[in-house]
Protein backbone atom coordinates (compact mmCIF):
# COMPACT_ATOMS: atom_id res chain seq x y z
CA UNK A 1 18.97 -48.45 79.05
CA UNK A 2 18.73 -45.15 77.25
CA UNK A 3 20.50 -45.61 73.96
CA UNK A 4 19.17 -44.02 70.77
CA UNK A 5 17.26 -46.21 68.38
CA UNK A 6 20.12 -45.90 65.91
CA UNK A 7 21.73 -48.61 68.03
CA UNK A 8 19.59 -51.21 66.35
CA UNK A 9 20.76 -52.18 62.91
CA UNK A 10 20.94 -55.46 61.10
CA UNK A 11 24.34 -56.07 62.68
CA UNK A 12 23.01 -55.90 66.21
CA UNK A 13 22.25 -59.62 66.57
CA UNK A 14 24.15 -61.31 69.37
CA UNK A 15 25.45 -64.28 67.41
CA UNK A 16 22.34 -66.42 67.63
CA UNK A 17 24.01 -69.60 66.44
CA UNK A 18 26.49 -69.60 69.32
CA UNK A 19 23.89 -68.67 71.91
CA UNK A 20 21.06 -70.89 70.71
CA UNK A 21 22.22 -73.94 72.62
CA UNK A 22 22.44 -71.96 75.84
CA UNK A 23 19.12 -70.17 75.45
CA UNK A 24 16.88 -72.65 73.64
CA UNK A 25 15.41 -74.20 76.74
CA UNK A 26 14.89 -70.84 78.40
CA UNK A 27 13.22 -69.16 75.44
CA UNK A 28 10.83 -71.89 74.42
CA UNK A 29 7.84 -70.64 72.49
CA UNK A 30 6.73 -68.19 75.16
CA UNK A 31 3.17 -69.36 74.64
CA UNK A 32 2.54 -71.09 77.96
CA UNK A 33 -0.54 -69.75 79.69
CA UNK A 34 -1.34 -67.21 76.99
CA UNK A 35 -4.78 -66.91 75.45
CA UNK A 36 -6.76 -64.52 73.28
CA UNK A 37 -7.56 -61.23 74.98
CA UNK A 38 -10.26 -61.81 77.55
CA UNK A 39 -12.11 -58.67 76.58
CA UNK A 40 -12.63 -59.94 73.05
CA UNK A 41 -12.95 -57.77 69.97
CA UNK A 42 -10.25 -55.61 68.47
CA UNK A 43 -7.90 -53.53 70.61
CA UNK A 44 -5.07 -51.28 69.47
CA UNK A 45 -2.46 -50.84 72.17
CA UNK A 46 -0.12 -47.85 71.88
CA UNK A 47 3.42 -48.06 73.25
CA UNK A 48 5.60 -44.95 73.58
CA UNK A 49 9.30 -45.52 74.29
CA UNK A 50 12.72 -43.91 74.12
CA UNK A 51 15.90 -45.52 72.90
CA UNK A 52 16.24 -49.17 71.99
CA UNK A 53 14.02 -51.50 73.99
CA UNK A 54 14.23 -54.09 71.21
CA UNK A 55 10.66 -55.38 71.22
CA UNK A 56 9.94 -54.76 67.56
CA UNK A 57 13.41 -55.90 66.54
CA UNK A 58 13.06 -59.13 68.52
CA UNK A 59 9.69 -59.88 66.95
CA UNK A 60 7.90 -59.74 70.29
CA UNK A 61 5.05 -57.50 69.18
CA UNK A 62 4.30 -59.75 66.24
CA UNK A 63 4.41 -62.80 68.52
CA UNK A 64 2.07 -61.20 71.04
CA UNK A 65 -0.39 -60.29 68.28
CA UNK A 66 -0.39 -63.91 67.10
CA UNK A 67 -1.08 -65.12 70.64
CA UNK A 68 -3.82 -62.53 71.17
CA UNK A 69 -6.07 -62.31 68.09
CA UNK A 70 -7.65 -58.91 67.77
CA UNK A 71 -4.78 -57.08 69.49
CA UNK A 72 -2.68 -54.67 67.43
CA UNK A 73 0.38 -52.95 68.88
CA UNK A 74 1.62 -49.59 67.61
CA UNK A 75 4.91 -48.20 68.91
CA UNK A 76 6.24 -44.67 68.78
CA UNK A 77 9.69 -43.75 70.01
CA UNK A 78 12.05 -40.87 70.64
CA UNK A 79 15.82 -41.23 70.28
CA UNK A 80 16.81 -38.86 73.07
CA UNK A 81 15.50 -39.71 76.55
CA UNK A 82 15.65 -36.06 77.67
CA UNK A 83 13.32 -35.05 74.84
CA UNK A 84 11.07 -38.02 75.60
CA UNK A 85 10.82 -37.15 79.29
CA UNK A 86 10.00 -33.49 78.63
CA UNK A 87 7.25 -34.50 76.24
CA UNK A 88 5.90 -37.07 78.69
CA UNK A 89 5.76 -34.49 81.48
CA UNK A 90 3.79 -32.12 79.25
CA UNK A 91 1.29 -34.83 78.37
CA UNK A 92 0.95 -36.02 81.96
CA UNK A 93 0.19 -32.45 83.04
CA UNK A 94 -2.47 -32.09 80.36
CA UNK A 95 -3.84 -35.60 80.63
CA UNK A 96 -3.95 -36.10 76.86
CA UNK A 97 -1.85 -37.72 74.16
CA UNK A 98 -0.59 -40.50 76.42
CA UNK A 99 0.06 -44.03 75.21
CA UNK A 100 -1.31 -47.16 76.87
CA UNK A 101 2.28 -48.06 77.78
CA UNK A 102 5.02 -45.55 78.59
CA UNK A 103 8.71 -46.34 79.10
CA UNK A 104 10.42 -44.93 82.21
CA UNK A 105 14.22 -44.67 82.53
CA UNK A 106 15.66 -45.83 85.86
CA UNK A 107 16.94 -42.32 86.58
CA UNK A 108 13.32 -41.11 86.48
CA UNK A 109 11.59 -43.90 88.40
CA UNK A 110 11.96 -42.16 91.80
CA UNK A 111 10.22 -39.13 90.32
CA UNK A 112 7.35 -41.39 89.29
CA UNK A 113 7.00 -43.18 92.65
CA UNK A 114 7.53 -40.13 94.83
CA UNK A 115 5.99 -37.27 92.86
CA UNK A 116 3.71 -38.67 90.15
CA UNK A 117 2.18 -41.82 91.62
CA UNK A 118 -1.35 -40.58 90.95
CA UNK A 119 -0.66 -40.35 87.22
CA UNK A 120 0.23 -44.02 86.78
CA UNK A 121 -1.83 -47.15 87.33
CA UNK A 122 -1.17 -49.31 90.37
CA UNK A 123 -0.47 -52.57 88.59
CA UNK A 124 -1.17 -54.42 91.83
CA UNK A 125 -4.89 -54.15 91.10
CA UNK A 126 -4.32 -56.52 88.18
CA UNK A 127 -2.29 -59.01 90.21
CA UNK A 128 1.23 -57.68 89.62
CA UNK A 129 2.17 -58.52 93.20
CA UNK A 130 2.40 -62.17 92.20
CA UNK A 131 5.31 -61.28 89.88
CA UNK A 132 7.54 -59.91 92.63
CA UNK A 133 9.74 -62.99 92.91
CA UNK A 134 10.44 -62.95 89.17
CA UNK A 135 12.54 -59.78 89.43
CA UNK A 136 15.73 -58.78 91.18
CA UNK A 137 14.66 -57.22 94.52
CA UNK A 138 16.20 -53.81 93.82
CA UNK A 139 14.53 -53.63 90.42
CA UNK A 140 11.14 -54.39 91.90
CA UNK A 141 11.37 -52.11 94.92
CA UNK A 142 12.47 -49.06 92.90
CA UNK A 143 9.10 -49.01 91.10
CA UNK A 144 7.05 -49.55 94.26
CA UNK A 145 5.73 -46.66 96.36
CA UNK A 146 6.02 -46.55 100.16
CA UNK A 147 2.37 -47.58 100.45
CA UNK A 148 2.88 -50.59 98.17
CA UNK A 149 1.65 -49.42 94.78
CA UNK A 150 3.46 -51.08 91.85
CA UNK A 151 3.88 -48.42 89.16
CA UNK A 152 6.06 -50.25 86.63
CA UNK A 153 7.54 -53.58 85.62
CA UNK A 154 11.27 -53.82 85.02
CA UNK A 155 12.81 -54.39 81.62
CA UNK A 156 16.62 -54.45 81.64
CA UNK A 157 19.43 -53.44 83.98
CA UNK A 158 22.83 -52.03 83.04
CA UNK A 159 25.68 -54.07 84.57
CA UNK A 160 28.98 -52.52 83.52
CA UNK A 161 32.16 -53.78 81.86
CA UNK A 162 34.88 -52.39 79.59
CA UNK A 163 34.67 -52.92 75.84
CA UNK A 164 37.87 -52.56 73.86
CA UNK A 165 39.40 -52.87 70.42
CA UNK A 166 41.99 -55.66 70.68
CA UNK A 167 43.45 -54.79 67.27
CA UNK A 168 44.19 -51.22 68.37
CA UNK A 169 45.69 -52.30 71.69
CA UNK A 170 47.88 -54.81 69.86
CA UNK A 171 49.08 -52.11 67.46
CA UNK A 172 50.12 -49.99 70.46
CA UNK A 173 52.03 -52.86 72.05
CA UNK A 174 49.55 -53.41 74.89
CA UNK A 175 48.14 -56.75 76.08
CA UNK A 176 44.84 -57.87 74.55
CA UNK A 177 43.86 -60.80 76.75
CA UNK A 178 40.73 -59.87 78.71
CA UNK A 179 41.92 -61.53 81.92
CA UNK A 180 45.30 -59.82 81.82
CA UNK A 181 43.72 -56.46 81.07
CA UNK A 182 41.26 -56.85 83.92
CA UNK A 183 44.23 -57.38 86.25
CA UNK A 184 46.21 -54.47 84.80
CA UNK A 185 43.30 -52.04 85.08
CA UNK A 186 41.86 -53.38 88.32
CA UNK A 187 41.83 -49.75 89.52
CA UNK A 188 41.03 -46.55 87.65
CA UNK A 189 44.59 -45.40 88.20
CA UNK A 190 45.70 -48.56 86.40
CA UNK A 191 43.27 -47.81 83.59
CA UNK A 192 44.66 -44.29 83.13
CA UNK A 193 48.24 -45.60 83.23
CA UNK A 194 47.48 -48.00 80.38
CA UNK A 195 45.90 -45.05 78.60
CA UNK A 196 49.14 -43.10 78.86
CA UNK A 197 51.04 -46.04 77.41
CA UNK A 198 48.50 -46.34 74.63
CA UNK A 199 48.83 -42.65 73.79
CA UNK A 200 52.59 -43.05 73.29
CA UNK A 201 52.22 -45.63 70.50
CA UNK A 202 48.60 -45.34 69.45
CA UNK A 203 47.64 -45.65 65.78
CA UNK A 204 47.20 -42.25 64.16
CA UNK A 205 43.93 -40.57 65.07
CA UNK A 206 43.10 -42.97 67.89
CA UNK A 207 42.56 -42.04 71.57
CA UNK A 208 42.34 -44.24 74.64
CA UNK A 209 38.62 -43.72 75.31
CA UNK A 210 35.65 -42.12 73.61
CA UNK A 211 34.68 -39.41 76.08
CA UNK A 212 35.16 -38.55 79.72
CA UNK A 213 31.38 -38.45 80.01
CA UNK A 214 31.20 -42.21 79.60
CA UNK A 215 34.00 -42.61 82.13
CA UNK A 216 32.10 -40.49 84.65
CA UNK A 217 28.86 -42.39 84.07
CA UNK A 218 30.30 -45.82 84.80
CA UNK A 219 32.20 -44.59 87.84
CA UNK A 220 29.14 -43.10 89.56
CA UNK A 221 27.37 -46.33 88.65
CA UNK A 222 29.76 -48.19 90.95
CA UNK A 223 28.51 -46.44 94.07
CA UNK A 224 25.44 -46.83 96.26
CA UNK A 225 24.98 -43.15 97.09
CA UNK A 226 25.65 -40.59 94.38
CA UNK A 227 23.29 -37.66 94.00
CA UNK A 228 21.01 -38.37 96.97
CA UNK A 229 21.59 -40.13 100.28
CA UNK A 230 19.41 -42.83 101.79
CA UNK A 231 17.22 -40.24 103.54
CA UNK A 232 16.39 -38.61 100.20
CA UNK A 233 18.55 -35.54 100.78
CA UNK A 234 20.32 -33.98 97.78
CA UNK A 235 24.06 -34.54 98.37
CA UNK A 236 25.71 -34.49 94.94
CA UNK A 237 27.78 -31.36 95.69
CA UNK A 238 29.62 -33.12 98.52
CA UNK A 239 29.25 -36.73 97.38
CA UNK A 240 32.55 -38.69 97.53
CA UNK A 241 31.32 -40.81 94.62
CA UNK A 242 30.58 -37.80 92.42
CA UNK A 243 33.87 -36.13 93.35
CA UNK A 244 35.94 -39.25 92.63
CA UNK A 245 34.31 -39.71 89.23
CA UNK A 246 34.71 -36.02 88.40
CA UNK A 247 38.38 -35.97 89.39
CA UNK A 248 39.31 -39.04 87.34
CA UNK A 249 37.32 -37.76 84.36
CA UNK A 250 38.93 -34.30 84.30
CA UNK A 251 42.35 -35.91 84.74
CA UNK A 252 41.73 -38.08 81.70
CA UNK A 253 40.60 -35.00 79.75
CA UNK A 254 43.62 -32.99 80.86
CA UNK A 255 46.05 -35.70 79.82
CA UNK A 256 44.52 -35.93 76.37
CA UNK A 257 43.33 -39.52 76.73
CA UNK A 258 39.90 -38.87 75.27
CA UNK A 259 38.71 -38.61 71.69
CA UNK A 260 36.51 -35.68 72.84
CA UNK A 261 33.36 -37.16 71.37
CA UNK A 262 29.92 -36.37 72.75
CA UNK A 263 28.08 -39.64 73.20
CA UNK A 264 25.20 -40.30 70.80
CA UNK A 265 26.42 -37.59 68.42
CA UNK A 266 27.00 -38.40 64.71
CA UNK A 267 30.82 -38.09 65.07
CA UNK A 268 30.70 -40.53 67.99
CA UNK A 269 28.67 -42.98 65.95
CA UNK A 270 31.12 -42.76 63.07
CA UNK A 271 34.07 -43.34 65.40
CA UNK A 272 33.03 -46.94 66.06
CA UNK A 273 34.11 -47.95 62.59
CA UNK A 274 37.02 -45.50 62.20
CA UNK A 275 38.96 -46.65 65.27
CA UNK A 276 38.97 -43.23 66.95
CA UNK A 277 39.08 -44.81 70.40
CA UNK A 278 40.38 -48.07 71.84
CA UNK A 279 38.26 -48.53 74.96
CA UNK A 280 34.66 -47.81 75.83
CA UNK A 281 33.12 -48.16 79.31
CA UNK A 282 30.06 -50.20 78.47
CA UNK A 283 26.92 -51.36 80.23
CA UNK A 284 25.44 -54.50 78.69
CA UNK A 285 23.03 -52.61 76.45
CA UNK A 286 25.99 -50.89 74.76
CA UNK A 287 26.99 -54.13 73.01
CA UNK A 288 24.07 -53.90 70.61
CA UNK A 289 24.94 -50.28 69.93
CA UNK A 290 28.55 -51.15 69.11
CA UNK A 291 27.45 -53.82 66.66
CA UNK A 292 25.02 -51.47 64.99
CA UNK A 293 27.64 -48.77 64.49
CA UNK A 294 30.76 -50.86 63.80
CA UNK A 295 28.93 -53.33 61.56
CA UNK A 296 30.28 -56.60 60.19
CA UNK A 297 33.75 -55.13 59.79
CA UNK A 298 34.06 -54.86 63.57
CA UNK A 299 33.40 -58.53 64.31
CA UNK A 300 36.34 -60.09 66.15
CA UNK A 301 38.04 -56.73 66.69
CA UNK A 302 36.06 -55.98 69.85
CA UNK A 303 36.30 -57.74 73.20
CA UNK A 304 34.92 -57.31 76.73
CA UNK A 305 36.70 -57.35 80.11
CA UNK A 306 35.78 -56.63 83.71
CA UNK A 307 35.44 -52.97 84.62
CA UNK A 308 38.16 -51.14 86.58
CA UNK A 309 37.26 -50.33 90.15
CA UNK A 310 34.62 -53.00 90.67
CA UNK A 311 31.08 -53.77 89.48
CA UNK A 312 28.45 -51.15 88.82
CA UNK A 313 25.21 -50.40 87.00
CA UNK A 314 24.40 -47.80 84.34
CA UNK A 315 20.86 -47.62 83.08
CA UNK A 316 17.80 -49.82 82.92
CA UNK A 317 14.13 -49.10 82.35
CA UNK A 318 10.53 -49.83 83.27
CA UNK A 319 7.20 -50.12 81.49
CA UNK A 320 4.29 -48.27 83.10
CA UNK A 321 0.62 -47.61 82.35
CA UNK A 322 -0.67 -44.02 82.72
CA UNK A 323 -4.02 -43.52 84.45
CA UNK A 324 -5.12 -41.74 81.27
CA UNK A 325 -4.48 -44.86 79.15
CA UNK A 326 -7.45 -46.06 77.11
CA UNK A 327 -6.81 -49.78 77.63
CA UNK A 328 -5.35 -50.19 81.10
CA UNK A 329 -5.95 -53.89 81.71
CA UNK A 330 -4.88 -54.88 78.22
CA UNK A 331 -1.78 -52.69 78.58
CA UNK A 332 -0.91 -54.47 81.83
CA UNK A 333 -1.24 -57.87 80.17
CA UNK A 334 1.13 -56.72 77.43
CA UNK A 335 3.83 -55.40 79.76
CA UNK A 336 3.48 -58.46 81.98
CA UNK A 337 4.28 -60.59 78.94
CA UNK A 338 7.05 -58.35 77.58
CA UNK A 339 8.89 -58.34 80.90
CA UNK A 340 8.48 -62.07 81.58
CA UNK A 341 11.73 -64.08 81.77
CA UNK A 342 11.19 -65.74 78.39
CA UNK A 343 10.83 -62.43 76.60
CA UNK A 344 13.72 -60.78 78.46
CA UNK A 345 15.91 -63.66 77.33
CA UNK A 346 14.88 -63.13 73.72
CA UNK A 347 15.73 -59.44 73.89
CA UNK A 348 19.15 -60.32 75.30
CA UNK A 349 19.65 -62.76 72.43
CA UNK A 350 18.91 -59.99 69.96
CA UNK A 351 20.77 -57.00 71.41
CA UNK A 352 22.33 -57.77 74.83
CA UNK A 353 19.93 -55.78 77.02
CA UNK A 354 20.69 -57.52 80.31
CA UNK A 355 17.55 -58.91 81.97
CA UNK A 356 16.13 -57.92 85.34
CA UNK A 357 14.13 -61.17 85.58
CA UNK A 358 16.07 -63.62 87.73
CA UNK A 359 15.18 -66.73 85.69
CA UNK A 360 16.42 -65.02 82.55
CA UNK A 361 19.68 -64.06 84.25
CA UNK A 362 20.24 -67.73 85.11
CA UNK A 363 19.43 -68.80 81.55
CA UNK A 364 22.12 -66.63 79.98
CA UNK A 365 24.89 -67.33 82.49
CA UNK A 366 27.03 -69.27 79.99
CA UNK A 367 26.39 -67.06 76.97
CA UNK A 368 29.31 -66.01 74.77
CA UNK A 369 29.30 -63.51 71.93
CA UNK A 370 31.18 -64.29 68.70
CA UNK A 371 31.15 -60.63 67.66
CA UNK A 372 33.10 -59.76 70.80
CA UNK A 373 35.75 -62.44 70.29
CA UNK A 374 33.65 -65.04 72.14
CA UNK A 375 33.73 -62.97 75.32
CA UNK A 376 31.78 -64.71 78.13
CA UNK A 377 29.27 -61.90 78.34
CA UNK A 378 26.82 -63.92 80.40
CA UNK A 379 29.38 -64.33 83.18
CA UNK A 380 31.01 -60.90 82.93
CA UNK A 381 27.74 -58.98 83.03
CA UNK A 382 26.06 -61.54 85.27
CA UNK A 383 28.77 -61.21 87.91
CA UNK A 384 28.55 -57.42 87.67
CA UNK A 385 24.77 -57.50 88.04
CA UNK A 386 25.02 -59.74 91.10
CA UNK A 387 27.78 -57.76 92.80
CA UNK A 388 26.83 -54.17 91.91
CA UNK A 389 25.62 -52.02 94.82
CA UNK A 390 21.92 -51.33 95.17
CA UNK A 391 21.83 -47.68 94.22
CA UNK A 392 19.93 -44.96 96.03
CA UNK A 393 17.66 -43.39 93.42
CA UNK A 394 16.56 -39.78 93.71
CA UNK A 395 13.82 -37.83 92.01
CA UNK A 396 16.24 -35.84 89.84
CA UNK A 397 19.04 -38.36 89.25
CA UNK A 398 18.89 -38.06 85.47
CA UNK A 399 18.71 -34.25 85.49
CA UNK A 400 21.80 -34.03 87.70
CA UNK A 401 23.74 -36.59 85.68
CA UNK A 402 22.96 -34.76 82.44
CA UNK A 403 24.20 -31.41 83.74
CA UNK A 404 27.43 -32.90 85.12
CA UNK A 405 28.02 -34.59 81.79
CA UNK A 406 27.50 -31.27 80.00
CA UNK A 407 30.08 -29.66 82.29
CA UNK A 408 32.59 -32.42 81.59
CA UNK A 409 32.08 -31.84 77.89
CA UNK A 410 33.09 -28.20 78.49
CA UNK A 411 36.34 -29.36 80.07
CA UNK A 412 36.99 -31.92 77.38
CA UNK A 413 36.05 -30.03 74.23
CA UNK A 414 36.39 -26.34 75.15
CA UNK A 415 39.25 -26.48 77.63
CA UNK A 416 37.16 -24.92 80.40
CA UNK A 417 38.90 -25.03 83.78
CA UNK A 418 37.47 -27.87 85.92
CA UNK A 419 36.51 -25.52 88.79
CA UNK A 420 34.66 -23.24 86.40
CA UNK A 421 32.92 -26.17 84.74
CA UNK A 422 31.85 -27.56 88.12
CA UNK A 423 30.42 -24.18 89.10
CA UNK A 424 28.53 -24.16 85.80
CA UNK A 425 27.21 -27.65 86.53
CA UNK A 426 25.85 -26.56 89.92
CA UNK A 427 24.09 -23.57 88.36
CA UNK A 428 22.61 -25.80 85.65
CA UNK A 429 21.43 -28.35 88.22
CA UNK A 430 19.77 -25.60 90.25
CA UNK A 431 17.95 -24.37 87.15
CA UNK A 432 16.96 -27.90 86.14
CA UNK A 433 15.54 -28.62 89.59
CA UNK A 434 13.61 -25.37 89.62
């Protein structure tokens, strides 16, 4: 999960009335076993995040403060994860200016466990090992060092699907039923073929998809090995997964199927309400973003179907405690509570961040979303989460992905030849990796 905070607007609620019956038992009050802070007195806990974790918006900080008299939580955040990570690295190097709780994007977690373990608290010393069974195995193991230190607790994961505008597909004479579409675009070739048909009769100013960068991101998310192999060797230059995603993405760009919009840019945000694109490869956390940008006018126009090419994962995060934190034990108690199944369910109810806690995944299995035409999002994303490959995570996953995305933007927006853009990507990766 690495979406900008602009994702969260008043329209980002998941349709609480429809989901309440499904989630009521699972959410409860969240107060079981909680008590005032054992240390007593007043404590201000600082939380520094990127993107849209949803804790403030879901009322979780306020709830925690009520359950723990004397505890005050103050959050700071940065929209862009790249900016956040650079700032965090500077502060880790200097040892100052760090929050009690820091967010870590899944593409950075290998860097933390393999290169920066000494800069984060081993949560096992506070009993985190007892929480292992609460999380999906892959989520837990990714934040655990080879010698067993637990350096973070998982928040969400990013199971993938395809979001689409049924009104725009209908206007172009294409099917709109999510089951039929899933069958028609079972492969990426099928997806591009529907895109060609859409282009022939598309409403004025509307393209098949938003950007080839989003296409590339979901495709590499469908593979186990992408940028590194299981031994930890850097293999992105010869990776079949990276090549396949690159080839499909540049083909889509060359055939004019993209709206040529850089994700997270102001024009991209505006396009959600203007109908500039008909389909959007979307991990679960993207649903809240769509609602925030498309607003009430988009309700019922959007739908969700299974992703072409099989299940995958894009994104997800962790909460960690730096060794320089002022209130380490209290910070652990906070992140333990925020990542508990009850709280992960509440965040899903608010903005669709798909939980990594197994009990929460079970609780939302039957959830539907009225905004997305009553799409069975619990099943669609739940099936994807269950079936997606366990990805090999490398220390520079995010750096590599960012540079490849920049190169695809060159192809898409500047008309750079794919071979030239790929050469530029390799140079940029080399510079980024030092």
